[in-house]
PDB file of N, CA and C in Angstrom:
ATOM      1  N   UNK A   1     -23.938 -10.738  39.765  1.00  0.00           N
ATOM      2  CA  UNK A   1     -23.104 -11.569  38.798  1.00  0.00           C
ATOM      3  C   UNK A   1     -22.189 -11.711  38.570  1.00  0.00           C
ATOM      4  N   UNK A   2     -21.915 -13.608  37.832  1.00  0.00           N
ATOM      5  CA  UNK A   2     -20.706 -13.135  37.693  1.00  0.00           C
ATOM      6  C   UNK A   2     -19.629 -12.920  36.320  1.00  0.00           C
ATOM      7  N   UNK A   3     -18.620 -12.643  36.364  1.00  0.00           N
ATOM      8  CA  UNK A   3     -17.817 -11.803  35.336  1.00  0.00           C
ATOM      9  C   UNK A   3     -17.736 -13.162  33.781  1.00  0.00           C
ATOM     10  N   UNK A   4     -17.657 -12.074  32.401  1.00  0.00           N
ATOM     11  CA  UNK A   4     -18.256 -12.541  31.311  1.00  0.00           C
ATOM     12  C   UNK A   4     -17.068 -13.223  30.990  1.00  0.00           C
ATOM     13  N   UNK A   5     -16.267 -12.378  31.775  1.00  0.00           N
ATOM     14  CA  UNK A   5     -13.793 -13.253  31.256  1.00  0.00           C
ATOM     15  C   UNK A   5     -13.278 -14.013  32.246  1.00  0.00           C
ATOM     16  N   UNK A   6     -13.180 -14.127  31.481  1.00  0.00           N
ATOM     17  CA  UNK A   6     -10.859 -15.012  33.092  1.00  0.00           C
ATOM     18  C   UNK A   6     -10.213 -14.305  32.816  1.00  0.00           C
ATOM     19  N   UNK A   7      -9.576 -14.117  33.663  1.00  0.00           N
ATOM     20  CA  UNK A   7      -8.357 -13.317  34.213  1.00  0.00           C
ATOM     21  C   UNK A   7      -7.216 -13.743  31.992  1.00  0.00           C
ATOM     22  N   UNK A   8      -7.367 -15.055  32.868  1.00  0.00           N
ATOM     23  CA  UNK A   8      -6.754 -15.979  31.153  1.00  0.00           C
ATOM     24  C   UNK A   8      -7.661 -14.931  29.211  1.00  0.00           C
ATOM     25  N   UNK A   9      -8.189 -14.821  29.798  1.00  0.00           N
ATOM     26  CA  UNK A   9      -9.305 -14.065  28.202  1.00  0.00           C
ATOM     27  C   UNK A   9      -7.781 -11.991  28.535  1.00  0.00           C
ATOM     28  N   UNK A  10      -8.360 -11.858  29.737  1.00  0.00           N
ATOM     29  CA  UNK A  10      -7.904 -10.983  29.689  1.00  0.00           C
ATOM     30  C   UNK A  10      -6.615 -10.381  29.688  1.00  0.00           C
ATOM     31  N   UNK A  11      -5.322 -11.658  29.691  1.00  0.00           N
ATOM     32  CA  UNK A  11      -3.869 -11.901  29.420  1.00  0.00           C
ATOM     33  C   UNK A  11      -3.347 -11.913  28.312  1.00  0.00           C
ATOM     34  N   UNK A  12      -4.351 -12.216  27.767  1.00  0.00           N
ATOM     35  CA  UNK A  12      -4.078 -13.274  26.160  1.00  0.00           C
ATOM     36  C   UNK A  12      -4.379 -11.579  24.919  1.00  0.00           C
ATOM     37  N   UNK A  13      -5.753 -10.699  25.514  1.00  0.00           N
ATOM     38  CA  UNK A  13      -5.890  -9.856  24.724  1.00  0.00           C
ATOM     39  C   UNK A  13      -4.987  -8.816  25.380  1.00  0.00           C
ATOM     40  N   UNK A  14      -4.388  -8.732  26.085  1.00  0.00           N
ATOM     41  CA  UNK A  14      -3.008  -7.209  26.852  1.00  0.00           C
ATOM     42  C   UNK A  14      -2.085  -7.483  25.310  1.00  0.00           C
ATOM     43  N   UNK A  15      -1.435  -9.321  25.622  1.00  0.00           N
ATOM     44  CA  UNK A  15      -0.525 -10.033  25.208  1.00  0.00           C
ATOM     45  C   UNK A  15      -0.395  -8.906  23.105  1.00  0.00           C
ATOM     46  N   UNK A  16      -2.591  -9.547  22.798  1.00  0.00           N
ATOM     47  CA  UNK A  16      -2.109  -9.208  20.961  1.00  0.00           C
ATOM     48  C   UNK A  16      -2.814  -7.598  20.504  1.00  0.00           C
ATOM     49  N   UNK A  17      -2.849  -6.840  22.787  1.00  0.00           N
ATOM     50  CA  UNK A  17      -3.357  -5.170  21.686  1.00  0.00           C
ATOM     51  C   UNK A  17      -1.680  -4.604  21.570  1.00  0.00           C
ATOM     52  N   UNK A  18      -0.301  -5.496  21.807  1.00  0.00           N
ATOM     53  CA  UNK A  18       0.758  -4.928  22.842  1.00  0.00           C
ATOM     54  C   UNK A  18       1.683  -4.953  21.080  1.00  0.00           C
ATOM     55  N   UNK A  19       0.661  -6.396  20.413  1.00  0.00           N
ATOM     56  CA  UNK A  19       1.977  -7.002  19.532  1.00  0.00           C
ATOM     57  C   UNK A  19       1.100  -5.807  18.448  1.00  0.00           C
ATOM     58  N   UNK A  20       0.290  -5.143  18.690  1.00  0.00           N
ATOM     59  CA  UNK A  20      -0.941  -5.090  17.230  1.00  0.00           C
ATOM     60  C   UNK A  20      -0.021  -3.235  17.477  1.00  0.00           C
ATOM     61  N   UNK A  21      -0.178  -2.569  18.573  1.00  0.00           N
ATOM     62  CA  UNK A  21       1.105  -1.592  18.461  1.00  0.00           C
ATOM     63  C   UNK A  21       2.480  -1.259  17.547  1.00  0.00           C
ATOM     64  N   UNK A  22       2.490  -2.898  18.067  1.00  0.00           N
ATOM     65  CA  UNK A  22       4.266  -2.467  18.026  1.00  0.00           C
ATOM     66  C   UNK A  22       3.996  -2.998  16.300  1.00  0.00           C
ATOM     67  N   UNK A  23       3.681  -3.621  15.304  1.00  0.00           N
ATOM     68  CA  UNK A  23       2.603  -3.821  14.058  1.00  0.00           C
ATOM     69  C   UNK A  23       3.214  -5.284  14.204  1.00  0.00           C
ATOM     70  N   UNK A  24       3.380  -6.354  15.584  1.00  0.00           N
ATOM     71  CA  UNK A  24       3.921  -6.951  14.668  1.00  0.00           C
ATOM     72  C   UNK A  24       2.904  -8.951  14.262  1.00  0.00           C
ATOM     73  N   UNK A  25       1.402  -7.924  14.703  1.00  0.00           N
ATOM     74  CA  UNK A  25       0.187  -9.038  15.253  1.00  0.00           C
ATOM     75  C   UNK A  25       0.010  -9.488  13.053  1.00  0.00           C
ATOM     76  N   UNK A  26      -0.559 -10.244  13.400  1.00  0.00           N
ATOM     77  CA  UNK A  26      -0.760 -10.414  12.024  1.00  0.00           C
ATOM     78  C   UNK A  26      -1.598 -11.758  11.699  1.00  0.00           C
ATOM     79  N   UNK A  27      -2.999 -11.460  10.753  1.00  0.00           N
ATOM     80  CA  UNK A  27      -4.152 -12.536  10.480  1.00  0.00           C
ATOM     81  C   UNK A  27      -3.601 -13.138  11.178  1.00  0.00           C
ATOM     82  N   UNK A  28      -4.357 -14.761  11.388  1.00  0.00           N
ATOM     83  CA  UNK A  28      -3.958 -16.078  10.511  1.00  0.00           C
ATOM     84  C   UNK A  28      -4.495 -16.243   9.065  1.00  0.00           C
ATOM     85  N   UNK A  29      -5.994 -16.014   9.198  1.00  0.00           N
ATOM     86  CA  UNK A  29      -5.984 -16.807   6.479  1.00  0.00           C
ATOM     87  C   UNK A  29      -4.543 -15.866   6.151  1.00  0.00           C
ATOM     88  N   UNK A  30      -5.030 -15.086   6.063  1.00  0.00           N
ATOM     89  CA  UNK A  30      -3.889 -14.452   5.177  1.00  0.00           C
ATOM     90  C   UNK A  30      -2.891 -13.610   5.264  1.00  0.00           C
ATOM     91  N   UNK A  31      -2.713 -13.688   6.521  1.00  0.00           N
ATOM     92  CA  UNK A  31      -1.034 -13.427   6.609  1.00  0.00           C
ATOM     93  C   UNK A  31      -0.914 -12.092   7.084  1.00  0.00           C
ATOM     94  N   UNK A  32      -1.935 -10.877   6.262  1.00  0.00           N
ATOM     95  CA  UNK A  32      -1.850  -9.976   6.757  1.00  0.00           C
ATOM     96  C   UNK A  32      -2.440  -8.960   8.584  1.00  0.00           C
ATOM     97  N   UNK A  33      -1.253  -7.736   8.243  1.00  0.00           N
ATOM     98  CA  UNK A  33      -0.368  -7.463   9.272  1.00  0.00           C
ATOM     99  C   UNK A  33      -1.728  -6.809   9.231  1.00  0.00           C
ATOM    100  N   UNK A  34      -2.584  -7.206  11.269  1.00  0.00           N
ATOM    101  CA  UNK A  34      -3.562  -6.204  11.519  1.00  0.00           C
ATOM    102  C   UNK A  34      -3.462  -5.158  11.597  1.00  0.00           C
ATOM    103  N   UNK A  35      -4.013  -4.262  11.579  1.00  0.00           N
ATOM    104  CA  UNK A  35      -4.488  -2.722  11.438  1.00  0.00           C
ATOM    105  C   UNK A  35      -5.439  -2.643  13.493  1.00  0.00           C
ATOM    106  N   UNK A  36      -6.445  -2.985  13.305  1.00  0.00           N
ATOM    107  CA  UNK A  36      -7.721  -3.624  13.840  1.00  0.00           C
ATOM    108  C   UNK A  36      -8.135  -3.289  15.185  1.00  0.00           C
ATOM    109  N   UNK A  37      -8.074  -2.400  16.132  1.00  0.00           N
ATOM    110  CA  UNK A  37      -8.611  -2.387  17.082  1.00  0.00           C
ATOM    111  C   UNK A  37      -9.260  -3.352  17.340  1.00  0.00           C
ATOM    112  N   UNK A  38     -10.227  -3.298  16.726  1.00  0.00           N
ATOM    113  CA  UNK A  38     -11.574  -5.159  17.394  1.00  0.00           C
ATOM    114  C   UNK A  38     -10.800  -6.107  16.507  1.00  0.00           C
ATOM    115  N   UNK A  39     -10.382  -6.629  15.278  1.00  0.00           N
ATOM    116  CA  UNK A  39      -9.458  -7.662  14.844  1.00  0.00           C
ATOM    117  C   UNK A  39      -8.920  -8.314  15.943  1.00  0.00           C
ATOM    118  N   UNK A  40      -7.650  -7.289  16.495  1.00  0.00           N
ATOM    119  CA  UNK A  40      -7.253  -7.476  17.470  1.00  0.00           C
ATOM    120  C   UNK A  40      -7.931  -7.728  18.837  1.00  0.00           C
ATOM    121  N   UNK A  41      -8.709  -7.497  19.123  1.00  0.00           N
ATOM    122  CA  UNK A  41      -9.624  -7.577  20.432  1.00  0.00           C
ATOM    123  C   UNK A  41      -9.932  -9.050  20.112  1.00  0.00           C
ATOM    124  N   UNK A  42     -10.209  -9.924  19.070  1.00  0.00           N
ATOM    125  CA  UNK A  42     -11.186 -10.547  18.469  1.00  0.00           C
ATOM    126  C   UNK A  42      -9.999 -12.022  17.958  1.00  0.00           C
ATOM    127  N   UNK A  43      -9.015 -11.293  17.839  1.00  0.00           N
ATOM    128  CA  UNK A  43      -8.180 -12.290  18.052  1.00  0.00           C
ATOM    129  C   UNK A  43      -7.875 -12.888  19.609  1.00  0.00           C
ATOM    130  N   UNK A  44      -7.259 -12.033  20.389  1.00  0.00           N
ATOM    131  CA  UNK A  44      -7.514 -12.451  21.368  1.00  0.00           C
ATOM    132  C   UNK A  44      -7.457 -12.955  21.653  1.00  0.00           C
ATOM    133  N   UNK A  45      -9.198 -12.581  21.783  1.00  0.00           N
ATOM    134  CA  UNK A  45     -10.414 -13.914  22.184  1.00  0.00           C
ATOM    135  C   UNK A  45     -10.502 -15.411  22.300  1.00  0.00           C
ATOM    136  N   UNK A  46     -10.062 -15.023  20.441  1.00  0.00           N
ATOM    137  CA  UNK A  46     -10.294 -16.622  20.042  1.00  0.00           C
ATOM    138  C   UNK A  46      -9.276 -17.545  20.405  1.00  0.00           C
ATOM    139  N   UNK A  47      -8.136 -17.200  20.524  1.00  0.00           N
ATOM    140  CA  UNK A  47      -6.745 -18.136  20.850  1.00  0.00           C
ATOM    141  C   UNK A  47      -6.864 -18.109  22.934  1.00  0.00           C
ATOM    142  N   UNK A  48      -8.208 -17.006  23.721  1.00  0.00           N
ATOM    143  CA  UNK A  48      -8.169 -17.369  24.301  1.00  0.00           C
ATOM    144  C   UNK A  48      -9.155 -18.572  24.957  1.00  0.00           C
ATOM    145  N   UNK A  49     -10.145 -18.570  23.835  1.00  0.00           N
ATOM    146  CA  UNK A  49     -11.498 -19.872  24.105  1.00  0.00           C
ATOM    147  C   UNK A  49      -9.680 -20.681  23.372  1.00  0.00           C
ATOM    148  N   UNK A  50     -10.144 -20.982  22.356  1.00  0.00           N
ATOM    149  CA  UNK A  50      -8.674 -22.247  22.858  1.00  0.00           C
ATOM    150  C   UNK A  50      -7.299 -22.636  23.764  1.00  0.00           C
ATOM    151  N   UNK A  51      -7.347 -21.726  24.281  1.00  0.00           N
ATOM    152  CA  UNK A  51      -7.030 -22.060  25.881  1.00  0.00           C
ATOM    153  C   UNK A  51      -6.827 -22.785  26.720  1.00  0.00           C
ATOM    154  N   UNK A  52      -8.915 -22.482  26.607  1.00  0.00           N
ATOM    155  CA  UNK A  52      -9.770 -22.831  27.702  1.00  0.00           C
ATOM    156  C   UNK A  52      -9.651 -21.793  28.460  1.00  0.00           C
ATOM    157  N   UNK A  53      -9.312 -20.117  28.659  1.00  0.00           N
ATOM    158  CA  UNK A  53     -10.727 -19.520  29.897  1.00  0.00           C
ATOM    159  C   UNK A  53     -10.873 -19.174  29.002  1.00  0.00           C
ATOM    160  N   UNK A  54     -12.570 -18.560  29.793  1.00  0.00           N
ATOM    161  CA  UNK A  54     -13.127 -18.332  30.440  1.00  0.00           C
ATOM    162  C   UNK A  54     -14.118 -17.169  29.926  1.00  0.00           C
ATOM    163  N   UNK A  55     -14.673 -17.157  28.084  1.00  0.00           N
ATOM    164  CA  UNK A  55     -14.946 -16.273  27.777  1.00  0.00           C
ATOM    165  C   UNK A  55     -16.160 -16.873  26.657  1.00  0.00           C
ATOM    166  N   UNK A  56     -16.831 -16.365  26.712  1.00  0.00           N
ATOM    167  CA  UNK A  56     -18.368 -16.646  26.302  1.00  0.00           C
ATOM    168  C   UNK A  56     -18.197 -16.953  25.189  1.00  0.00           C
ATOM    169  N   UNK A  57     -19.426 -17.809  24.055  1.00  0.00           N
ATOM    170  CA  UNK A  57     -19.169 -18.350  22.683  1.00  0.00           C
ATOM    171  C   UNK A  57     -19.215 -17.064  21.819  1.00  0.00           C
ATOM    172  N   UNK A  58     -18.512 -16.850  20.710  1.00  0.00           N
ATOM    173  CA  UNK A  58     -19.109 -15.972  20.071  1.00  0.00           C
ATOM    174  C   UNK A  58     -20.455 -16.306  18.608  1.00  0.00           C
ATOM    175  N   UNK A  59     -20.485 -14.011  18.872  1.00  0.00           N
ATOM    176  CA  UNK A  59     -22.498 -15.293  18.212  1.00  0.00           C
ATOM    177  C   UNK A  59     -22.249 -14.988  16.420  1.00  0.00           C
ATOM    178  N   UNK A  60     -21.588 -14.904  16.790  1.00  0.00           N
ATOM    179  CA  UNK A  60     -21.272 -14.938  15.078  1.00  0.00           C
ATOM    180  C   UNK A  60     -20.859 -16.256  13.829  1.00  0.00           C
ATOM    181  N   UNK A  61     -20.146 -17.047  15.543  1.00  0.00           N
ATOM    182  CA  UNK A  61     -20.520 -18.493  15.107  1.00  0.00           C
ATOM    183  C   UNK A  61     -21.233 -18.948  14.824  1.00  0.00           C
ATOM    184  N   UNK A  62     -21.450 -19.704  13.445  1.00  0.00           N
ATOM    185  CA  UNK A  62     -22.874 -21.182  12.670  1.00  0.00           C
ATOM    186  C   UNK A  62     -22.701 -22.439  13.879  1.00  0.00           C
ATOM    187  N   UNK A  63     -23.312 -23.286  14.383  1.00  0.00           N
ATOM    188  CA  UNK A  63     -23.078 -23.885  14.459  1.00  0.00           C
ATOM    189  C   UNK A  63     -23.676 -24.825  13.672  1.00  0.00           C
ATOM    190  N   UNK A  64     -22.497 -26.529  14.154  1.00  0.00           N
ATOM    191  CA  UNK A  64     -22.834 -27.537  13.492  1.00  0.00           C
ATOM    192  C   UNK A  64     -23.736 -28.135  14.009  1.00  0.00           C
ATOM    193  N   UNK A  65     -25.107 -29.605  13.243  1.00  0.00           N
ATOM    194  CA  UNK A  65     -26.089 -29.741  13.918  1.00  0.00           C
ATOM    195  C   UNK A  65     -26.132 -30.597  15.087  1.00  0.00           C
ATOM    196  N   UNK A  66     -24.628 -31.233  15.192  1.00  0.00           N
ATOM    197  CA  UNK A  66     -25.011 -32.061  16.438  1.00  0.00           C
ATOM    198  C   UNK A  66     -25.306 -31.406  17.472  1.00  0.00           C
ATOM    199  N   UNK A  67     -24.451 -30.057  17.670  1.00  0.00           N
ATOM    200  CA  UNK A  67     -24.606 -29.257  18.880  1.00  0.00           C
ATOM    201  C   UNK A  67     -25.365 -28.309  18.672  1.00  0.00           C
ATOM    202  N   UNK A  68     -26.310 -28.149  17.775  1.00  0.00           N
ATOM    203  CA  UNK A  68     -27.555 -27.263  17.486  1.00  0.00           C
ATOM    204  C   UNK A  68     -28.347 -28.772  18.658  1.00  0.00           C
ATOM    205  N   UNK A  69     -29.027 -29.483  17.675  1.00  0.00           N
ATOM    206  CA  UNK A  69     -28.491 -30.455  18.602  1.00  0.00           C
ATOM    207  C   UNK A  69     -29.221 -30.977  20.084  1.00  0.00           C
ATOM    208  N   UNK A  70     -27.679 -30.238  20.829  1.00  0.00           N
ATOM    209  CA  UNK A  70     -28.271 -31.204  22.362  1.00  0.00           C
ATOM    210  C   UNK A  70     -28.291 -30.211  22.616  1.00  0.00           C
ATOM    211  N   UNK A  71     -28.123 -28.282  22.367  1.00  0.00           N
ATOM    212  CA  UNK A  71     -28.550 -28.304  23.165  1.00  0.00           C
ATOM    213  C   UNK A  71     -30.096 -27.614  23.053  1.00  0.00           C
ATOM    214  N   UNK A  72     -30.175 -27.893  21.729  1.00  0.00           N
ATOM    215  CA  UNK A  72     -32.034 -28.267  22.161  1.00  0.00           C
ATOM    216  C   UNK A  72     -32.135 -29.129  23.422  1.00  0.00           C
ATOM    217  N   UNK A  73     -32.162 -29.934  23.752  1.00  0.00           N
ATOM    218  CA  UNK A  73     -32.352 -30.778  23.979  1.00  0.00           C
ATOM    219  C   UNK A  73     -32.075 -30.273  25.918  1.00  0.00           C
ATOM    220  N   UNK A  74     -30.783 -29.502  26.241  1.00  0.00           N
ATOM    221  CA  UNK A  74     -30.551 -29.791  27.230  1.00  0.00           C
ATOM    222  C   UNK A  74     -31.760 -28.317  27.324  1.00  0.00           C
ATOM    223  N   UNK A  75     -32.460 -27.650  26.701  1.00  0.00           N
ATOM    224  CA  UNK A  75     -32.799 -27.070  26.968  1.00  0.00           C
ATOM    225  C   UNK A  75     -33.897 -27.195  27.519  1.00  0.00           C
ATOM    226  N   UNK A  76     -34.847 -28.427  27.359  1.00  0.00           N
ATOM    227  CA  UNK A  76     -35.882 -29.366  28.006  1.00  0.00           C
ATOM    228  C   UNK A  76     -36.279 -29.365  29.134  1.00  0.00           C
TER     229      UNK A  76
END
């Protein structure tokens, strides 16, 4: 069975967790200090996704119509 997350994802999450412990991690939208462990992990994974790391897609994110259509076609 293949791994879900790559090395790049692990490194990003590790860096973000250190920032959170130091108290320097800020959220993107509001700029507030992040104190939640789960939120810090989510930030690290999203950074890894943007950097092209091996990370599964976010299950809570809504797909755009075009992406849904192409996914439907590829399943056939």
